[in-house]
Amino acid sequence: MDTAVANTVLSPAQESEASGLTESPLHFLPVTQEAMDGIMPFFEKENGRTTDFSYGGLLMWVDYFKYEYCIYRDTLFIKGLVEDNTSLPAFSLPIGALPFSEAVGLIAGYCRENGIEMVFSAIPEYAVEAFRLLNPKKISLLEYWGDYMYPIEALASLKGKKLGKKRNHINKFIAENPDAEVKALTSENASKAMRFMETYDAEADGAPMEMIESCLTRKMINYVAQGDRHLEGIILESGGRTVGFSIGDIKGDTLYVHIEKATRNTNGSYEAVNKAFASRMLELHPELVYVNREDDGGDEGLRQAKRSYHPIEVLKKYNIVF
């Protein structure tokens, strides 16, 4: 991992006491679109591929997880809520110049000062051993929050026997929508995606999480409409109507897909949007190797849909309690 572990490992409590601090130097500010310019250089140093350290992965969920950030001694600290229990505060993996145990010690001091339990959430698997050396009370797998990873070439081409059904769905979509056209999602046509959400919501079943995600999706569309330079997307149109769109961003060799919406009553629309976005991004960014299509959140239908594309890995994440 990029974040160094100190040669002499101290517990968070020992590290905080050794610092001699009587007041925590960590002062958290709300994560905003403007703040992301300062946050992204740290994310780019993080060598994992979980969506939690991508531009849209943080920005989209700011309101839901109450994300705040602090940059201290060239190290990024993020405070939010526990991934699977949003009644509890939690911290992300600290990233930056500070030795790992010292960074965790600073968080320990902050927690004592504010009377909260020290919990880290959505910790990528590669960082767990560094936490284990600090003797936490509990390390637990976030069972439903692993990110599904795919080779981008596979999603862009859909070659091979395993993806034959996906090709059939797209062929049906093309046969029924011969004038279908893929366009870049830009500030000029983002209003079409926003109007599409009215149709999408009308077809939804009204589940609480679906309603929350719909609200957050609109926020991301607004960022695109404002000309956000990090977000990229496509919009799929047929016969003068929008049948789907997708929004994501890129970090290193990975495309992170944060939003993928399509009409439920158009055969093959989801498969067409999926393939179109991967194809377009690979064409524009030939350095891409992987696609992160995020987690399934425990939704059985979503799990089956993600597994049907045959992921090469599901990136595990953990909660760690001290």
Protein backbone atom coordinates (compact mmCIF):
# COMPACT_ATOMS: atom_id res chain seq x y z
CA MET A 1 0.00 0.00 0.00
CA ASP A 2 1.17 3.56 -0.64
CA THR A 3 0.57 4.66 2.94
CA ALA A 4 3.67 3.66 4.86
CA VAL A 5 3.43 1.64 8.06
CA ALA A 6 5.82 2.83 10.76
CA ASN A 7 8.73 0.49 11.51
CA THR A 8 7.81 0.51 15.20
CA VAL A 9 4.08 -0.08 15.40
CA LEU A 10 2.26 1.66 18.24
CA SER A 11 -1.38 1.32 19.15
CA PRO A 12 -3.53 4.31 18.16
CA ALA A 13 -3.81 5.30 21.82
CA GLN A 14 -0.03 5.15 22.30
CA GLU A 15 0.56 7.09 19.11
CA SER A 16 -1.83 9.84 20.15
CA GLU A 17 -0.28 10.09 23.62
CA ALA A 18 3.24 10.14 22.17
CA SER A 19 2.32 13.11 20.01
CA GLY A 20 1.80 15.23 23.12
CA LEU A 21 -1.32 16.82 21.65
CA THR A 22 -4.01 18.07 23.98
CA GLU A 23 -6.34 19.13 21.20
CA SER A 24 -6.86 17.28 17.94
CA PRO A 25 -5.33 19.04 14.92
CA LEU A 26 -7.92 17.38 12.68
CA HIS A 27 -10.63 19.82 11.63
CA PHE A 28 -13.09 18.41 9.12
CA LEU A 29 -14.85 20.35 6.37
CA PRO A 30 -17.75 19.25 4.15
CA VAL A 31 -16.79 17.50 0.92
CA THR A 32 -17.93 19.68 -1.99
CA GLN A 33 -17.38 19.68 -5.72
CA GLU A 34 -14.82 22.45 -5.27
CA ALA A 35 -13.02 20.53 -2.52
CA MET A 36 -12.48 17.56 -4.84
CA ASP A 37 -9.64 19.39 -6.58
CA GLY A 38 -7.67 19.14 -3.34
CA ILE A 39 -8.82 15.60 -2.58
CA MET A 40 -8.09 13.99 -5.96
CA PRO A 41 -4.26 14.19 -5.77
CA PHE A 42 -4.46 11.96 -2.68
CA PHE A 43 -6.90 9.56 -4.36
CA GLU A 44 -4.48 9.25 -7.26
CA LYS A 45 -1.77 8.12 -4.82
CA GLU A 46 -4.02 5.35 -3.47
CA ASN A 47 -3.20 2.18 -5.36
CA GLY A 48 -6.41 0.22 -4.86
CA ARG A 49 -9.38 0.19 -7.21
CA THR A 50 -12.39 0.38 -4.88
CA THR A 51 -14.91 3.02 -5.84
CA ASP A 52 -14.65 4.73 -2.45
CA PHE A 53 -11.44 6.45 -3.62
CA SER A 54 -12.77 7.62 -6.98
CA TYR A 55 -14.08 11.09 -7.80
CA GLY A 56 -17.72 10.15 -8.30
CA GLY A 57 -17.63 7.44 -5.66
CA LEU A 58 -17.09 10.07 -3.00
CA LEU A 59 -18.92 13.05 -4.49
CA MET A 60 -22.13 11.23 -5.40
CA TRP A 61 -22.64 9.89 -1.88
CA VAL A 62 -21.64 12.98 0.11
CA ASP A 63 -25.16 13.72 1.34
CA TYR A 64 -25.97 10.11 2.20
CA PHE A 65 -22.77 9.32 4.10
CA LYS A 66 -22.19 12.89 5.39
CA TYR A 67 -18.63 12.92 4.10
CA GLU A 68 -16.19 15.47 5.49
CA TYR A 69 -12.47 15.79 4.89
CA CYS A 70 -9.31 17.14 6.48
CA ILE A 71 -5.86 17.58 4.95
CA TYR A 72 -3.19 17.69 7.64
CA ARG A 73 0.56 17.23 7.20
CA ASP A 74 0.08 16.23 3.59
CA THR A 75 -2.34 13.46 4.56
CA LEU A 76 -6.02 13.12 3.66
CA PHE A 77 -8.51 12.12 6.34
CA ILE A 78 -12.14 11.42 5.45
CA LYS A 79 -14.93 11.14 8.00
CA GLY A 80 -18.39 9.81 7.18
CA LEU A 81 -20.71 7.03 8.31
CA VAL A 82 -20.35 3.26 8.56
CA GLU A 83 -21.14 1.73 5.19
CA ASP A 84 -23.72 -0.75 6.48
CA ASN A 85 -24.89 1.23 9.54
CA THR A 86 -25.35 4.92 8.81
CA SER A 87 -26.22 5.68 12.44
CA LEU A 88 -22.52 5.48 13.34
CA PRO A 89 -19.60 7.74 12.35
CA ALA A 90 -16.63 6.17 10.59
CA PHE A 91 -13.35 7.03 8.91
CA SER A 92 -11.79 6.01 5.62
CA LEU A 93 -8.27 4.78 5.07
CA PRO A 94 -5.95 7.78 5.62
CA ILE A 95 -3.82 8.53 2.56
CA GLY A 96 -0.65 10.59 2.40
CA ALA A 97 2.76 11.36 3.84
CA LEU A 98 2.20 10.51 7.51
CA PRO A 99 3.30 7.07 8.75
CA PHE A 100 0.21 4.90 8.91
CA SER A 101 0.20 4.34 12.68
CA GLU A 102 0.66 8.06 13.30
CA ALA A 103 -2.30 8.90 11.05
CA VAL A 104 -4.47 6.36 12.87
CA GLY A 105 -3.22 7.78 16.18
CA LEU A 106 -4.43 11.24 15.18
CA ILE A 107 -7.86 9.80 14.42
CA ALA A 108 -7.81 8.08 17.83
CA GLY A 109 -7.16 11.43 19.49
CA TYR A 110 -9.98 13.05 17.52
CA CYS A 111 -12.37 10.28 18.56
CA ARG A 112 -11.51 10.60 22.25
CA GLU A 113 -11.88 14.36 22.11
CA ASN A 114 -15.31 14.03 20.48
CA GLY A 115 -16.49 11.04 22.52
CA ILE A 116 -16.99 8.65 19.60
CA GLU A 117 -15.87 5.08 18.97
CA MET A 118 -13.07 4.74 16.43
CA VAL A 119 -14.45 2.83 13.46
CA PHE A 120 -13.00 2.58 9.96
CA SER A 121 -15.37 1.57 7.16
CA ALA A 122 -15.01 0.36 3.56
CA ILE A 123 -11.34 -0.42 4.11
CA PRO A 124 -9.89 -2.17 1.03
CA GLU A 125 -8.49 -5.63 1.57
CA TYR A 126 -4.88 -4.66 0.83
CA ALA A 127 -4.86 -2.30 3.86
CA VAL A 128 -6.36 -4.70 6.42
CA GLU A 129 -3.05 -6.18 7.56
CA ALA A 130 -1.70 -2.72 8.47
CA PHE A 131 -4.75 -2.21 10.68
CA ARG A 132 -4.37 -5.69 12.16
CA LEU A 133 -0.91 -4.74 13.45
CA LEU A 134 -2.56 -2.02 15.55
CA ASN A 135 -4.65 -4.58 17.46
CA PRO A 136 -8.25 -3.59 16.62
CA LYS A 137 -11.18 -5.04 18.54
CA LYS A 138 -12.90 -6.36 15.43
CA ILE A 139 -12.38 -6.76 11.70
CA SER A 140 -15.49 -7.71 9.72
CA LEU A 141 -16.17 -8.19 6.04
CA LEU A 142 -18.73 -5.87 4.42
CA GLU A 143 -20.56 -8.76 2.81
CA TYR A 144 -22.72 -6.88 0.32
CA TRP A 145 -20.41 -3.99 -0.53
CA GLY A 146 -17.66 -5.56 -2.63
CA ASP A 147 -17.01 -3.89 -5.99
CA TYR A 148 -17.43 -5.96 -9.17
CA MET A 149 -14.41 -5.75 -11.50
CA TYR A 150 -14.30 -6.56 -15.21
CA PRO A 151 -11.79 -6.29 -18.06
CA ILE A 152 -12.92 -3.27 -20.06
CA GLU A 153 -12.13 -5.04 -23.33
CA ALA A 154 -14.64 -7.76 -22.44
CA LEU A 155 -17.45 -5.25 -21.78
CA ALA A 156 -16.57 -3.21 -24.86
CA SER A 157 -16.52 -6.17 -27.25
CA LEU A 158 -18.74 -8.81 -25.55
CA LYS A 159 -16.70 -11.48 -27.30
CA GLY A 160 -16.79 -15.10 -26.22
CA LYS A 161 -19.34 -17.74 -25.38
CA LYS A 162 -19.94 -16.51 -21.82
CA LEU A 163 -21.30 -13.18 -23.07
CA GLY A 164 -23.33 -14.60 -25.92
CA LYS A 165 -26.66 -13.79 -24.23
CA LYS A 166 -25.57 -10.16 -23.86
CA ARG A 167 -24.81 -9.97 -27.58
CA ASN A 168 -28.25 -11.44 -28.32
CA HIS A 169 -29.94 -8.78 -26.19
CA ILE A 170 -28.04 -6.02 -27.98
CA ASN A 171 -28.86 -7.50 -31.41
CA LYS A 172 -32.53 -7.41 -30.45
CA PHE A 173 -32.17 -3.82 -29.30
CA ILE A 174 -30.55 -2.86 -32.63
CA ALA A 175 -33.23 -4.69 -34.63
CA GLU A 176 -36.01 -2.86 -32.76
CA ASN A 177 -34.14 0.47 -32.68
CA PRO A 178 -32.27 0.73 -36.01
CA ASP A 179 -31.80 4.48 -35.62
CA ALA A 180 -30.28 4.24 -32.12
CA GLU A 181 -27.41 6.63 -31.58
CA VAL A 182 -24.78 6.95 -28.85
CA LYS A 183 -23.65 10.45 -27.92
CA ALA A 184 -21.32 11.86 -25.31
CA LEU A 185 -23.20 13.15 -22.27
CA THR A 186 -22.30 16.83 -22.06
CA SER A 187 -23.47 20.06 -20.46
CA GLU A 188 -25.46 20.72 -23.66
CA ASN A 189 -27.56 17.53 -23.55
CA ALA A 190 -27.55 16.74 -19.80
CA SER A 191 -31.11 18.09 -19.62
CA LYS A 192 -32.21 15.05 -21.66
CA ALA A 193 -30.83 12.73 -18.99
CA MET A 194 -32.64 14.77 -16.34
CA ARG A 195 -35.94 14.46 -18.20
CA PHE A 196 -35.30 10.75 -18.67
CA MET A 197 -35.21 10.36 -14.90
CA GLU A 198 -38.89 11.30 -14.77
CA THR A 199 -39.66 8.26 -16.95
CA TYR A 200 -37.27 6.09 -14.98
CA ASP A 201 -38.82 7.05 -11.64
CA ALA A 202 -42.32 6.42 -12.98
CA GLU A 203 -41.29 2.83 -13.73
CA ALA A 204 -39.59 2.34 -10.33
CA ASP A 205 -41.08 0.35 -7.47
CA GLY A 206 -40.59 3.14 -4.93
CA ALA A 207 -38.09 1.29 -2.71
CA PRO A 208 -36.38 3.72 -0.28
CA MET A 209 -32.85 3.09 -1.55
CA GLU A 210 -33.97 3.44 -5.15
CA MET A 211 -35.50 6.82 -4.34
CA ILE A 212 -32.30 7.95 -2.61
CA GLU A 213 -30.16 6.87 -5.55
CA SER A 214 -32.50 8.66 -7.94
CA CYS A 215 -31.98 11.89 -6.02
CA LEU A 216 -28.20 11.43 -6.02
CA THR A 217 -28.26 10.63 -9.74
CA ARG A 218 -29.94 13.96 -10.43
CA LYS A 219 -27.19 15.69 -8.50
CA MET A 220 -24.55 14.04 -10.68
CA ILE A 221 -26.43 15.03 -13.83
CA ASN A 222 -26.39 18.61 -12.56
CA TYR A 223 -22.61 18.41 -12.15
CA VAL A 224 -22.33 17.29 -15.78
CA ALA A 225 -24.65 20.13 -16.82
CA GLN A 226 -22.30 22.55 -15.03
CA GLY A 227 -19.34 21.25 -17.02
CA ASP A 228 -17.63 19.07 -14.39
CA ARG A 229 -14.26 18.10 -15.90
CA HIS A 230 -13.89 14.75 -14.13
CA LEU A 231 -17.22 13.13 -15.00
CA GLU A 232 -17.75 11.45 -18.36
CA GLY A 233 -20.79 9.75 -19.77
CA ILE A 234 -22.87 8.68 -22.73
CA ILE A 235 -26.52 9.06 -23.65
CA LEU A 236 -28.36 6.55 -25.83
CA GLU A 237 -31.16 7.85 -28.04
CA SER A 238 -33.61 6.21 -30.39
CA GLY A 239 -36.36 7.79 -32.43
CA GLY A 240 -35.86 11.16 -30.76
CA ARG A 241 -36.20 9.77 -27.24
CA THR A 242 -33.64 8.96 -24.57
CA VAL A 243 -33.52 5.27 -23.72
CA GLY A 244 -30.57 5.33 -21.31
CA PHE A 245 -27.40 7.00 -20.09
CA SER A 246 -24.34 6.34 -17.97
CA ILE A 247 -21.94 8.46 -15.90
CA GLY A 248 -18.53 7.58 -14.53
CA ASP A 249 -14.97 8.75 -14.11
CA ILE A 250 -11.44 7.46 -14.56
CA LYS A 251 -8.60 6.90 -12.11
CA GLY A 252 -5.44 5.27 -13.42
CA ASP A 253 -6.30 2.19 -15.46
CA THR A 254 -9.87 1.89 -14.21
CA LEU A 255 -13.23 3.23 -15.36
CA TYR A 256 -15.64 3.67 -12.44
CA VAL A 257 -19.29 3.38 -13.47
CA HIS A 258 -21.40 5.25 -10.91
CA ILE A 259 -24.67 5.55 -12.80
CA GLU A 260 -26.28 3.35 -15.44
CA LYS A 261 -29.93 3.90 -16.25
CA ALA A 262 -32.11 2.58 -19.07
CA THR A 263 -35.77 2.10 -19.84
CA ARG A 264 -37.09 -1.15 -18.45
CA ASN A 265 -39.59 -1.56 -21.29
CA THR A 266 -37.02 -1.44 -24.12
CA ASN A 267 -35.43 -4.80 -24.92
CA GLY A 268 -31.66 -4.78 -24.52
CA SER A 269 -31.42 -1.15 -23.45
CA TYR A 270 -29.29 -1.87 -20.36
CA GLU A 271 -26.92 -4.10 -22.30
CA ALA A 272 -26.65 -1.47 -25.04
CA VAL A 273 -25.81 1.31 -22.57
CA ASN A 274 -23.27 -0.87 -20.78
CA LYS A 275 -21.44 -1.83 -23.97
CA ALA A 276 -21.62 1.68 -25.44
CA PHE A 277 -20.06 3.30 -22.37
CA ALA A 278 -17.21 0.78 -22.15
CA SER A 279 -16.56 1.06 -25.89
CA ARG A 280 -16.58 4.85 -25.91
CA MET A 281 -14.31 5.16 -22.87
CA LEU A 282 -11.82 2.60 -24.19
CA GLU A 283 -11.69 4.47 -27.48
CA LEU A 284 -11.06 7.78 -25.73
CA HIS A 285 -8.76 6.34 -23.05
CA PRO A 286 -6.81 3.37 -24.48
CA GLU A 287 -4.86 3.10 -21.21
CA LEU A 288 -7.94 1.67 -19.48
CA VAL A 289 -7.74 -1.98 -18.38
CA TYR A 290 -10.60 -2.45 -15.90
CA VAL A 291 -14.17 -1.40 -15.19
CA ASN A 292 -15.42 -1.07 -11.60
CA ARG A 293 -19.22 -1.45 -11.63
CA GLU A 294 -19.51 -1.01 -7.86
CA ASP A 295 -21.40 -3.20 -5.40
CA ASP A 296 -24.81 -4.84 -5.39
CA GLY A 297 -25.83 -3.58 -1.93
CA GLY A 298 -27.40 -6.96 -1.14
CA ASP A 299 -30.01 -6.59 -3.90
CA GLU A 300 -30.50 -10.03 -5.43
CA GLY A 301 -31.58 -8.75 -8.84
CA LEU A 302 -28.61 -6.40 -9.05
CA ARG A 303 -26.28 -9.16 -7.91
CA GLN A 304 -27.49 -11.46 -10.68
CA ALA A 305 -27.13 -8.69 -13.25
CA LYS A 306 -23.55 -7.94 -12.22
CA ARG A 307 -22.58 -11.61 -12.07
CA SER A 308 -24.05 -12.21 -15.51
CA TYR A 309 -21.14 -10.20 -16.96
CA HIS A 310 -18.67 -12.60 -15.29
CA PRO A 311 -16.52 -10.35 -13.09
CA ILE A 312 -12.87 -11.29 -12.74
CA GLU A 313 -12.87 -10.18 -9.09
CA VAL A 314 -15.07 -8.72 -6.38
CA LEU A 315 -13.00 -6.25 -4.35
CA LYS A 316 -13.58 -6.92 -0.67
CA LYS A 317 -14.03 -4.16 1.91
CA TYR A 318 -13.99 -4.28 5.69
CA ASN A 319 -15.18 -2.49 8.81
CA ILE A 320 -12.52 -2.18 11.52
CA VAL A 321 -13.40 -1.24 15.10
CA PHE A 322 -10.93 -0.12 17.80
